[in-house]
Amino acid sequence: MAQPIGVKVVAEPGENTGRWRVTGAHLFSWVFGDYWTLPAGAWRHPGEIEWLWLLPDCIDVVSLDGDVVIEKAVEPPPPEGESACGALVTDSFGKYSDIYVVLEAPKTPMSPAWASLLHHSCFWAAGEYAPLGANTALTDALYAHGTYNGGFHSSSSTRDWSADGETFHLKTFLARANCPYGECNDFADFLLCMSASVGATEMRSQRSNAMEGPRFLTNSLSPAGGSSDSYWWTYHQFAVLGSACWDGCISVSGYGVPKGWELDSTYKPRLVHHYVYGTWNPMPVAGFLPVLTTHPCPPW
């Protein structure tokens, strides 16, 4: 449901602020263009809210541009000074604010959400009204804009790998000039963070099997930014929501980017041609949330 947006003027301590009013306001989307323009509003007192109009009811990146006039009481000049023209002075100023519009309050592990992440998720899911549509748009956009690094841990933004999770150096990942770039761990962790940031769903990361030991041949697929082929992988990481799989790292030949595929009956046979060592054993069973950090990713 669309939410209203308002303006409030709060006086600084010791500041003798009188009435104020909005003299004009304009809300526009960086994706869809103008939403509305409003004329001058009524005079208000400090602490009161001037309700403008509604924010969009879909995911979007918008900007509010407006002007405010404030009346301030002034002290009379000393006797030897110049005479005052009145007891009030008028101060006017413009205000420009960027606003990220999401479906609901951001969810774990993006509560509160990072603005640098919302810059990706809100642009890529702009116009979506529901969690399913948001997850679909985000997964497709991640694949379209991302580049798989070939599976090299050395250029990944994840560290401290274990059977139960890992640490995702999100700030390092976002700061890369070619973001989104990394291995499948990065793609899965980034996708779940984006979904959570727009209030869509609480995804988890999961792996096809243990990171060390197993080895399988994929069916023909194209990693993000790569060419179509069959690949020898020891494991693959993806995002899950219950038993549904979301994977912005690959596009399977003949089927496309995995979006909501049932993990065992649909995703696995489309991904895996056969195992040479080990077996399909998604782990951990319930998936995991990566530990997020702003610390620089340590060298490999």
C-alpha atoms as a PDB file:
ATOM      1  CA  MET A   1       0.000   0.000   0.000  1.00  0.00           C
ATOM      2  CA  ALA A   2       1.317   3.417  -0.964  1.00  0.00           C
ATOM      3  CA  GLN A   3       2.528   5.510   1.953  1.00  0.00           C
ATOM      4  CA  PRO A   4       2.221   9.307   2.284  1.00  0.00           C
ATOM      5  CA  ILE A   5       5.265  11.529   2.575  1.00  0.00           C
ATOM      6  CA  GLY A   6       5.387  14.713   4.610  1.00  0.00           C
ATOM      7  CA  VAL A   7       7.599  17.620   5.661  1.00  0.00           C
ATOM      8  CA  LYS A   8       8.254  18.920   9.172  1.00  0.00           C
ATOM      9  CA  VAL A   9      10.312  21.890  10.342  1.00  0.00           C
ATOM     10  CA  VAL A  10      11.980  21.500  13.728  1.00  0.00           C
ATOM     11  CA  ALA A  11      13.504  24.588  15.374  1.00  0.00           C
ATOM     12  CA  GLU A  12      17.071  24.431  16.637  1.00  0.00           C
ATOM     13  CA  PRO A  13      17.535  25.012  20.397  1.00  0.00           C
ATOM     14  CA  GLY A  14      17.297  28.760  21.066  1.00  0.00           C
ATOM     15  CA  GLU A  15      16.025  29.518  17.582  1.00  0.00           C
ATOM     16  CA  ASN A  16      12.880  31.631  17.567  1.00  0.00           C
ATOM     17  CA  THR A  17      11.168  30.062  14.584  1.00  0.00           C
ATOM     18  CA  GLY A  18       7.677  31.173  13.631  1.00  0.00           C
ATOM     19  CA  ARG A  19       5.344  29.733  11.052  1.00  0.00           C
ATOM     20  CA  TRP A  20       6.487  28.016   7.863  1.00  0.00           C
ATOM     21  CA  ARG A  21       5.083  26.544   4.680  1.00  0.00           C
ATOM     22  CA  VAL A  22       6.040  24.485   1.657  1.00  0.00           C
ATOM     23  CA  THR A  23       5.985  26.689  -1.432  1.00  0.00           C
ATOM     24  CA  GLY A  24       6.264  23.832  -3.904  1.00  0.00           C
ATOM     25  CA  ALA A  25       7.170  20.126  -4.076  1.00  0.00           C
ATOM     26  CA  HIS A  26       8.008  17.686  -6.868  1.00  0.00           C
ATOM     27  CA  LEU A  27       8.408  13.899  -6.673  1.00  0.00           C
ATOM     28  CA  PHE A  28      10.015  12.118  -9.590  1.00  0.00           C
ATOM     29  CA  SER A  29      11.401   8.652 -10.307  1.00  0.00           C
ATOM     30  CA  TRP A  30      14.836   8.021 -11.763  1.00  0.00           C
ATOM     31  CA  VAL A  31      13.242   5.143 -13.691  1.00  0.00           C
ATOM     32  CA  PHE A  32       9.693   6.213 -14.569  1.00  0.00           C
ATOM     33  CA  GLY A  33       9.800  10.019 -14.555  1.00  0.00           C
ATOM     34  CA  ASP A  34       7.456  12.479 -12.813  1.00  0.00           C
ATOM     35  CA  TYR A  35       4.943  11.327 -10.202  1.00  0.00           C
ATOM     36  CA  TRP A  36       3.468  14.611  -8.974  1.00  0.00           C
ATOM     37  CA  THR A  37       4.021  18.336  -8.509  1.00  0.00           C
ATOM     38  CA  LEU A  38       2.304  20.317  -5.757  1.00  0.00           C
ATOM     39  CA  PRO A  39       1.733  24.072  -5.317  1.00  0.00           C
ATOM     40  CA  ALA A  40       2.268  26.036  -2.082  1.00  0.00           C
ATOM     41  CA  GLY A  41       0.684  24.603   1.032  1.00  0.00           C
ATOM     42  CA  ALA A  42      -0.851  26.119   4.139  1.00  0.00           C
ATOM     43  CA  TRP A  43       1.125  27.898   6.862  1.00  0.00           C
ATOM     44  CA  ARG A  44       2.281  25.541   9.622  1.00  0.00           C
ATOM     45  CA  HIS A  45       3.849  25.887  13.065  1.00  0.00           C
ATOM     46  CA  PRO A  46       7.136  24.231  14.147  1.00  0.00           C
ATOM     47  CA  GLY A  47       6.622  20.543  14.855  1.00  0.00           C
ATOM     48  CA  GLU A  48       3.579  20.219  12.600  1.00  0.00           C
ATOM     49  CA  ILE A  49       3.659  18.049   9.487  1.00  0.00           C
ATOM     50  CA  GLU A  50       2.661  19.150   6.022  1.00  0.00           C
ATOM     51  CA  TRP A  51       1.512  15.960   4.309  1.00  0.00           C
ATOM     52  CA  LEU A  52       2.319  16.147   0.620  1.00  0.00           C
ATOM     53  CA  TRP A  53       1.142  13.151  -1.388  1.00  0.00           C
ATOM     54  CA  LEU A  54       1.750   9.413  -1.782  1.00  0.00           C
ATOM     55  CA  LEU A  55       4.981   7.609  -2.518  1.00  0.00           C
ATOM     56  CA  PRO A  56       4.702   4.990  -5.293  1.00  0.00           C
ATOM     57  CA  ASP A  57       3.347   1.620  -4.170  1.00  0.00           C
ATOM     58  CA  CYS A  58       6.070  -0.296  -6.008  1.00  0.00           C
ATOM     59  CA  ILE A  59       9.827  -0.587  -5.586  1.00  0.00           C
ATOM     60  CA  ASP A  60      11.490   2.518  -6.966  1.00  0.00           C
ATOM     61  CA  VAL A  61      14.218   5.149  -6.542  1.00  0.00           C
ATOM     62  CA  VAL A  62      12.642   8.597  -6.260  1.00  0.00           C
ATOM     63  CA  SER A  63      13.711  12.129  -5.408  1.00  0.00           C
ATOM     64  CA  LEU A  64      11.736  14.785  -3.566  1.00  0.00           C
ATOM     65  CA  ASP A  65      12.561  18.346  -4.593  1.00  0.00           C
ATOM     66  CA  GLY A  66      10.883  21.232  -2.785  1.00  0.00           C
ATOM     67  CA  ASP A  67      11.097  24.719  -1.298  1.00  0.00           C
ATOM     68  CA  VAL A  68      10.216  25.925   2.197  1.00  0.00           C
ATOM     69  CA  VAL A  69       9.709  29.430   3.602  1.00  0.00           C
ATOM     70  CA  ILE A  70      10.202  30.072   7.337  1.00  0.00           C
ATOM     71  CA  GLU A  71       9.371  33.180   9.318  1.00  0.00           C
ATOM     72  CA  LYS A  72      11.765  33.953  12.173  1.00  0.00           C
ATOM     73  CA  ALA A  73      11.323  36.553  14.901  1.00  0.00           C
ATOM     74  CA  VAL A  74      14.223  39.016  15.276  1.00  0.00           C
ATOM     75  CA  GLU A  75      15.451  41.032  18.221  1.00  0.00           C
ATOM     76  CA  PRO A  76      14.930  44.814  17.890  1.00  0.00           C
ATOM     77  CA  PRO A  77      18.125  46.737  17.054  1.00  0.00           C
ATOM     78  CA  PRO A  78      19.834  48.847  19.706  1.00  0.00           C
ATOM     79  CA  PRO A  79      18.701  52.490  19.925  1.00  0.00           C
ATOM     80  CA  GLU A  80      21.696  53.767  17.987  1.00  0.00           C
ATOM     81  CA  GLY A  81      21.245  51.235  15.237  1.00  0.00           C
ATOM     82  CA  GLU A  82      19.211  51.365  12.112  1.00  0.00           C
ATOM     83  CA  SER A  83      15.476  51.051  12.498  1.00  0.00           C
ATOM     84  CA  ALA A  84      13.937  47.642  11.888  1.00  0.00           C
ATOM     85  CA  CYS A  85      11.453  47.176   9.078  1.00  0.00           C
ATOM     86  CA  GLY A  86       9.471  44.665  11.067  1.00  0.00           C
ATOM     87  CA  ALA A  87       9.597  41.997  13.714  1.00  0.00           C
ATOM     88  CA  LEU A  88      10.040  39.080  11.308  1.00  0.00           C
ATOM     89  CA  VAL A  89      12.533  37.953   8.711  1.00  0.00           C
ATOM     90  CA  THR A  90      11.804  35.352   6.060  1.00  0.00           C
ATOM     91  CA  ASP A  91      14.233  32.533   5.329  1.00  0.00           C
ATOM     92  CA  SER A  92      13.677  30.325   2.290  1.00  0.00           C
ATOM     93  CA  PHE A  93      15.579  27.254   1.212  1.00  0.00           C
ATOM     94  CA  GLY A  94      15.324  24.319  -1.154  1.00  0.00           C
ATOM     95  CA  LYS A  95      15.644  20.681  -0.199  1.00  0.00           C
ATOM     96  CA  TYR A  96      16.512  17.692  -2.373  1.00  0.00           C
ATOM     97  CA  SER A  97      16.267  14.144  -1.012  1.00  0.00           C
ATOM     98  CA  ASP A  98      16.743  10.728  -2.610  1.00  0.00           C
ATOM     99  CA  ILE A  99      14.349   8.064  -1.346  1.00  0.00           C
ATOM    100  CA  TYR A 100      14.532   4.290  -1.826  1.00  0.00           C
ATOM    101  CA  VAL A 101      11.010   2.863  -1.918  1.00  0.00           C
ATOM    102  CA  VAL A 102      10.720  -0.796  -0.835  1.00  0.00           C
ATOM    103  CA  LEU A 103       7.898  -3.323  -0.385  1.00  0.00           C
ATOM    104  CA  GLU A 104       8.195  -3.658   3.395  1.00  0.00           C
ATOM    105  CA  ALA A 105      10.738  -3.001   6.104  1.00  0.00           C
ATOM    106  CA  PRO A 106      14.087  -4.587   5.126  1.00  0.00           C
ATOM    107  CA  LYS A 107      14.571  -8.090   6.468  1.00  0.00           C
ATOM    108  CA  THR A 108      17.500  -9.972   8.006  1.00  0.00           C
ATOM    109  CA  PRO A 109      20.399  -9.635   7.262  1.00  0.00           C
ATOM    110  CA  MET A 110      19.692  -6.229   5.685  1.00  0.00           C
ATOM    111  CA  SER A 111      17.934  -4.560   8.594  1.00  0.00           C
ATOM    112  CA  PRO A 112      18.769  -1.730   8.377  1.00  0.00           C
ATOM    113  CA  ALA A 113      19.534  -1.847   4.662  1.00  0.00           C
ATOM    114  CA  TRP A 114      22.697  -0.329   3.221  1.00  0.00           C
ATOM    115  CA  ALA A 115      22.099   2.592   0.842  1.00  0.00           C
ATOM    116  CA  SER A 116      24.930   1.352  -1.388  1.00  0.00           C
ATOM    117  CA  LEU A 117      23.087  -1.971  -1.765  1.00  0.00           C
ATOM    118  CA  LEU A 118      19.669  -0.350  -2.274  1.00  0.00           C
ATOM    119  CA  HIS A 119      21.166   1.526  -5.208  1.00  0.00           C
ATOM    120  CA  HIS A 120      21.360  -1.856  -6.961  1.00  0.00           C
ATOM    121  CA  SER A 121      18.272  -3.614  -5.633  1.00  0.00           C
ATOM    122  CA  CYS A 122      15.790  -0.735  -5.988  1.00  0.00           C
ATOM    123  CA  PHE A 123      16.904   0.110  -9.522  1.00  0.00           C
ATOM    124  CA  TRP A 124      16.895  -3.533 -10.630  1.00  0.00           C
ATOM    125  CA  ALA A 125      13.498  -4.327  -9.097  1.00  0.00           C
ATOM    126  CA  ALA A 126      11.891  -0.962  -9.901  1.00  0.00           C
ATOM    127  CA  GLY A 127       8.201  -1.264 -10.714  1.00  0.00           C
ATOM    128  CA  GLU A 128       7.679  -4.547  -8.847  1.00  0.00           C
ATOM    129  CA  TYR A 129       4.725  -4.738  -6.448  1.00  0.00           C
ATOM    130  CA  ALA A 130       5.213  -8.182  -4.841  1.00  0.00           C
ATOM    131  CA  PRO A 131       8.003 -10.409  -3.454  1.00  0.00           C
ATOM    132  CA  LEU A 132       7.844 -12.938  -6.303  1.00  0.00           C
ATOM    133  CA  GLY A 133       8.223 -10.243  -8.934  1.00  0.00           C
ATOM    134  CA  ALA A 134      11.041  -8.593  -6.976  1.00  0.00           C
ATOM    135  CA  ASN A 135      12.992 -11.845  -6.630  1.00  0.00           C
ATOM    136  CA  THR A 136      12.502 -12.618 -10.318  1.00  0.00           C
ATOM    137  CA  ALA A 137      13.690  -9.169 -11.408  1.00  0.00           C
ATOM    138  CA  LEU A 138      16.672  -9.193  -9.043  1.00  0.00           C
ATOM    139  CA  THR A 139      17.817 -12.657 -10.147  1.00  0.00           C
ATOM    140  CA  ASP A 140      17.582 -11.782 -13.836  1.00  0.00           C
ATOM    141  CA  ALA A 141      19.370  -8.454 -13.308  1.00  0.00           C
ATOM    142  CA  LEU A 142      22.158 -10.053 -11.284  1.00  0.00           C
ATOM    143  CA  TYR A 143      22.814 -12.494 -14.101  1.00  0.00           C
ATOM    144  CA  ALA A 144      22.597  -9.786 -16.765  1.00  0.00           C
ATOM    145  CA  HIS A 145      24.949  -7.364 -14.980  1.00  0.00           C
ATOM    146  CA  GLY A 146      27.218  -9.808 -13.161  1.00  0.00           C
ATOM    147  CA  THR A 147      30.481 -11.503 -14.102  1.00  0.00           C
ATOM    148  CA  TYR A 148      31.435 -14.924 -12.737  1.00  0.00           C
ATOM    149  CA  ASN A 149      35.125 -15.034 -11.835  1.00  0.00           C
ATOM    150  CA  GLY A 150      35.673 -18.643 -12.838  1.00  0.00           C
ATOM    151  CA  GLY A 151      35.279 -19.996  -9.329  1.00  0.00           C
ATOM    152  CA  PHE A 152      38.497 -18.566  -7.902  1.00  0.00           C
ATOM    153  CA  HIS A 153      38.450 -17.988  -4.131  1.00  0.00           C
ATOM    154  CA  SER A 154      41.276 -15.468  -4.498  1.00  0.00           C
ATOM    155  CA  SER A 155      39.017 -12.899  -6.207  1.00  0.00           C
ATOM    156  CA  SER A 156      35.943 -13.713  -4.159  1.00  0.00           C
ATOM    157  CA  SER A 157      34.541 -11.417  -1.452  1.00  0.00           C
ATOM    158  CA  THR A 158      33.710 -14.328   0.872  1.00  0.00           C
ATOM    159  CA  ARG A 159      36.032 -15.793   3.483  1.00  0.00           C
ATOM    160  CA  ASP A 160      35.931 -18.009   6.603  1.00  0.00           C
ATOM    161  CA  TRP A 161      34.160 -20.808   4.764  1.00  0.00           C
ATOM    162  CA  SER A 162      32.727 -23.660   6.794  1.00  0.00           C
ATOM    163  CA  ALA A 163      30.045 -26.301   6.364  1.00  0.00           C
ATOM    164  CA  ASP A 164      27.617 -23.968   8.146  1.00  0.00           C
ATOM    165  CA  GLY A 165      28.352 -20.618   6.503  1.00  0.00           C
ATOM    166  CA  GLU A 166      30.877 -17.944   5.584  1.00  0.00           C
ATOM    167  CA  THR A 167      31.671 -14.253   5.941  1.00  0.00           C
ATOM    168  CA  PHE A 168      30.590 -11.970   3.110  1.00  0.00           C
ATOM    169  CA  HIS A 169      32.684  -8.807   2.812  1.00  0.00           C
ATOM    170  CA  LEU A 170      29.818  -6.850   1.288  1.00  0.00           C
ATOM    171  CA  LYS A 171      31.583  -3.484   1.306  1.00  0.00           C
ATOM    172  CA  THR A 172      34.485  -4.969  -0.657  1.00  0.00           C
ATOM    173  CA  PHE A 173      32.056  -6.582  -3.103  1.00  0.00           C
ATOM    174  CA  LEU A 174      30.144  -3.345  -3.697  1.00  0.00           C
ATOM    175  CA  ALA A 175      33.335  -1.311  -4.069  1.00  0.00           C
ATOM    176  CA  ARG A 176      34.611  -3.360  -7.010  1.00  0.00           C
ATOM    177  CA  ALA A 177      34.656  -1.343 -10.218  1.00  0.00           C
ATOM    178  CA  ASN A 178      33.039  -4.282 -12.051  1.00  0.00           C
ATOM    179  CA  CYS A 179      30.471  -5.097  -9.324  1.00  0.00           C
ATOM    180  CA  PRO A 180      28.793  -7.546  -9.284  1.00  0.00           C
ATOM    181  CA  TYR A 181      31.843  -9.763  -9.745  1.00  0.00           C
ATOM    182  CA  GLY A 182      32.852 -12.935  -7.936  1.00  0.00           C
ATOM    183  CA  GLU A 183      32.296 -16.649  -7.576  1.00  0.00           C
ATOM    184  CA  CYS A 184      29.007 -18.424  -6.889  1.00  0.00           C
ATOM    185  CA  ASN A 185      29.277 -17.724  -3.137  1.00  0.00           C
ATOM    186  CA  ASP A 186      29.256 -13.972  -3.827  1.00  0.00           C
ATOM    187  CA  PHE A 187      26.323 -14.208  -6.225  1.00  0.00           C
ATOM    188  CA  ALA A 188      24.168 -16.214  -3.800  1.00  0.00           C
ATOM    189  CA  ASP A 189      24.963 -13.992  -0.801  1.00  0.00           C
ATOM    190  CA  PHE A 190      24.415 -10.810  -2.808  1.00  0.00           C
ATOM    191  CA  LEU A 191      21.057 -12.030  -4.133  1.00  0.00           C
ATOM    192  CA  LEU A 192      19.707 -12.820  -0.665  1.00  0.00           C
ATOM    193  CA  CYS A 193      20.916  -9.429   0.588  1.00  0.00           C
ATOM    194  CA  MET A 194      19.132  -7.651  -2.257  1.00  0.00           C
ATOM    195  CA  SER A 195      15.881  -9.520  -1.674  1.00  0.00           C
ATOM    196  CA  ALA A 196      16.019  -8.709   2.038  1.00  0.00           C
ATOM    197  CA  SER A 197      16.885  -5.046   1.388  1.00  0.00           C
ATOM    198  CA  VAL A 198      13.638  -4.405  -0.532  1.00  0.00           C
ATOM    199  CA  GLY A 199      11.593  -6.264   2.087  1.00  0.00           C
ATOM    200  CA  ALA A 200      10.768  -9.150  -0.276  1.00  0.00           C
ATOM    201  CA  THR A 201      11.911 -12.411   1.357  1.00  0.00           C
ATOM    202  CA  GLU A 202      14.433 -13.929   3.739  1.00  0.00           C
ATOM    203  CA  MET A 203      16.431 -16.169   1.424  1.00  0.00           C
ATOM    204  CA  ARG A 204      19.318 -18.369   2.541  1.00  0.00           C
ATOM    205  CA  SER A 205      22.511 -19.511   0.823  1.00  0.00           C
ATOM    206  CA  GLN A 206      23.036 -23.210   0.229  1.00  0.00           C
ATOM    207  CA  ARG A 207      25.636 -25.401  -1.509  1.00  0.00           C
ATOM    208  CA  SER A 208      25.110 -28.379  -3.799  1.00  0.00           C
ATOM    209  CA  ASN A 209      27.415 -30.479  -1.606  1.00  0.00           C
ATOM    210  CA  ALA A 210      30.521 -30.107   0.554  1.00  0.00           C
ATOM    211  CA  MET A 211      33.009 -27.543  -0.763  1.00  0.00           C
ATOM    212  CA  GLU A 212      35.888 -30.024  -0.850  1.00  0.00           C
ATOM    213  CA  GLY A 213      35.934 -33.557  -2.224  1.00  0.00           C
ATOM    214  CA  PRO A 214      32.954 -33.992  -4.590  1.00  0.00           C
ATOM    215  CA  ARG A 215      33.307 -33.306  -8.275  1.00  0.00           C
ATOM    216  CA  PHE A 216      30.563 -33.080 -10.870  1.00  0.00           C
ATOM    217  CA  LEU A 217      30.086 -32.179 -14.510  1.00  0.00           C
ATOM    218  CA  THR A 218      27.404 -29.608 -15.252  1.00  0.00           C
ATOM    219  CA  ASN A 219      24.983 -29.731 -18.118  1.00  0.00           C
ATOM    220  CA  SER A 220      25.526 -27.023 -20.725  1.00  0.00           C
ATOM    221  CA  LEU A 221      25.194 -23.601 -19.069  1.00  0.00           C
ATOM    222  CA  SER A 222      26.469 -20.041 -19.270  1.00  0.00           C
ATOM    223  CA  PRO A 223      27.930 -18.462 -16.126  1.00  0.00           C
ATOM    224  CA  ALA A 224      27.208 -14.740 -15.792  1.00  0.00           C
ATOM    225  CA  GLY A 225      29.414 -12.902 -18.282  1.00  0.00           C
ATOM    226  CA  GLY A 226      30.782 -16.202 -19.621  1.00  0.00           C
ATOM    227  CA  SER A 227      30.296 -18.601 -22.513  1.00  0.00           C
ATOM    228  CA  SER A 228      28.088 -21.682 -22.795  1.00  0.00           C
ATOM    229  CA  ASP A 229      29.817 -24.954 -21.912  1.00  0.00           C
ATOM    230  CA  SER A 230      29.811 -27.879 -19.489  1.00  0.00           C
ATOM    231  CA  TYR A 231      31.994 -27.275 -16.443  1.00  0.00           C
ATOM    232  CA  TRP A 232      33.757 -29.441 -13.876  1.00  0.00           C
ATOM    233  CA  TRP A 233      32.821 -28.048 -10.456  1.00  0.00           C
ATOM    234  CA  THR A 234      33.469 -29.279  -6.937  1.00  0.00           C
ATOM    235  CA  TYR A 235      30.373 -27.470  -5.630  1.00  0.00           C
ATOM    236  CA  HIS A 236      27.963 -24.709  -6.567  1.00  0.00           C
ATOM    237  CA  GLN A 237      26.282 -22.175  -4.255  1.00  0.00           C
ATOM    238  CA  PHE A 238      22.838 -20.648  -4.791  1.00  0.00           C
ATOM    239  CA  ALA A 239      20.051 -18.915  -2.870  1.00  0.00           C
ATOM    240  CA  VAL A 240      17.056 -20.834  -1.545  1.00  0.00           C
ATOM    241  CA  LEU A 241      13.646 -19.933  -0.227  1.00  0.00           C
ATOM    242  CA  GLY A 242      12.223 -23.050   1.343  1.00  0.00           C
ATOM    243  CA  SER A 243      12.704 -25.716  -1.347  1.00  0.00           C
ATOM    244  CA  ALA A 244      12.808 -23.173  -4.200  1.00  0.00           C
ATOM    245  CA  CYS A 245      16.135 -22.240  -5.763  1.00  0.00           C
ATOM    246  CA  TRP A 246      17.154 -18.817  -7.116  1.00  0.00           C
ATOM    247  CA  ASP A 247      20.485 -18.550  -8.941  1.00  0.00           C
ATOM    248  CA  GLY A 248      21.667 -15.340 -10.610  1.00  0.00           C
ATOM    249  CA  CYS A 249      25.065 -16.853 -11.384  1.00  0.00           C
ATOM    250  CA  ILE A 250      24.084 -19.156 -14.255  1.00  0.00           C
ATOM    251  CA  SER A 251      21.736 -19.636 -17.193  1.00  0.00           C
ATOM    252  CA  VAL A 252      21.098 -23.293 -18.032  1.00  0.00           C
ATOM    253  CA  SER A 253      20.954 -24.013 -21.757  1.00  0.00           C
ATOM    254  CA  GLY A 254      17.349 -24.521 -22.827  1.00  0.00           C
ATOM    255  CA  TYR A 255      15.925 -23.397 -19.478  1.00  0.00           C
ATOM    256  CA  GLY A 256      17.327 -19.965 -18.629  1.00  0.00           C
ATOM    257  CA  VAL A 257      18.197 -18.406 -15.274  1.00  0.00           C
ATOM    258  CA  PRO A 258      16.940 -20.501 -12.311  1.00  0.00           C
ATOM    259  CA  LYS A 259      14.109 -18.602 -10.607  1.00  0.00           C
ATOM    260  CA  GLY A 260      11.988 -20.469  -8.090  1.00  0.00           C
ATOM    261  CA  TRP A 261      12.958 -23.912  -9.395  1.00  0.00           C
ATOM    262  CA  GLU A 262      12.255 -26.807  -7.031  1.00  0.00           C
ATOM    263  CA  LEU A 263      15.658 -27.691  -5.645  1.00  0.00           C
ATOM    264  CA  ASP A 264      15.832 -31.477  -6.046  1.00  0.00           C
ATOM    265  CA  SER A 265      13.331 -32.294  -8.777  1.00  0.00           C
ATOM    266  CA  THR A 266      13.979 -29.383 -11.159  1.00  0.00           C
ATOM    267  CA  TYR A 267      17.190 -27.509 -10.351  1.00  0.00           C
ATOM    268  CA  LYS A 268      19.434 -30.499  -9.714  1.00  0.00           C
ATOM    269  CA  PRO A 269      18.724 -32.458 -12.947  1.00  0.00           C
ATOM    270  CA  ARG A 270      19.040 -29.264 -15.029  1.00  0.00           C
ATOM    271  CA  LEU A 271      22.339 -28.318 -13.378  1.00  0.00           C
ATOM    272  CA  VAL A 272      24.115 -31.647 -12.828  1.00  0.00           C
ATOM    273  CA  HIS A 273      25.036 -34.030 -15.637  1.00  0.00           C
ATOM    274  CA  HIS A 274      26.756 -36.532 -13.339  1.00  0.00           C
ATOM    275  CA  TYR A 275      29.000 -36.808 -10.280  1.00  0.00           C
ATOM    276  CA  VAL A 276      32.437 -38.370 -10.538  1.00  0.00           C
ATOM    277  CA  TYR A 277      33.070 -38.147  -6.801  1.00  0.00           C
ATOM    278  CA  GLY A 278      30.548 -37.521  -4.050  1.00  0.00           C
ATOM    279  CA  THR A 279      26.857 -36.906  -4.542  1.00  0.00           C
ATOM    280  CA  TRP A 280      24.157 -34.198  -4.588  1.00  0.00           C
ATOM    281  CA  ASN A 281      23.703 -33.263  -0.944  1.00  0.00           C
ATOM    282  CA  PRO A 282      22.489 -29.646  -0.453  1.00  0.00           C
ATOM    283  CA  MET A 283      24.036 -28.269   2.724  1.00  0.00           C
ATOM    284  CA  PRO A 284      23.444 -27.058   5.276  1.00  0.00           C
ATOM    285  CA  VAL A 285      19.925 -28.491   5.190  1.00  0.00           C
ATOM    286  CA  ALA A 286      18.193 -25.219   6.086  1.00  0.00           C
ATOM    287  CA  GLY A 287      20.723 -23.028   4.276  1.00  0.00           C
ATOM    288  CA  PHE A 288      22.604 -20.237   6.043  1.00  0.00           C
ATOM    289  CA  LEU A 289      22.810 -16.483   6.370  1.00  0.00           C
ATOM    290  CA  PRO A 290      26.318 -15.161   5.686  1.00  0.00           C
ATOM    291  CA  VAL A 291      27.990 -12.981   8.287  1.00  0.00           C
ATOM    292  CA  LEU A 292      28.128  -9.495   6.754  1.00  0.00           C
ATOM    293  CA  THR A 293      31.036  -7.167   7.407  1.00  0.00           C
ATOM    294  CA  THR A 294      32.348  -3.796   6.287  1.00  0.00           C
ATOM    295  CA  HIS A 295      35.934  -4.911   6.929  1.00  0.00           C
ATOM    296  CA  PRO A 296      38.166  -5.141   3.840  1.00  0.00           C
ATOM    297  CA  CYS A 297      38.388  -8.612   2.399  1.00  0.00           C
ATOM    298  CA  PRO A 298      41.749 -10.093   3.454  1.00  0.00           C
ATOM    299  CA  PRO A 299      44.144 -11.232   0.724  1.00  0.00           C
ATOM    300  CA  TRP A 300      43.973 -14.844  -0.292  1.00  0.00           C
END
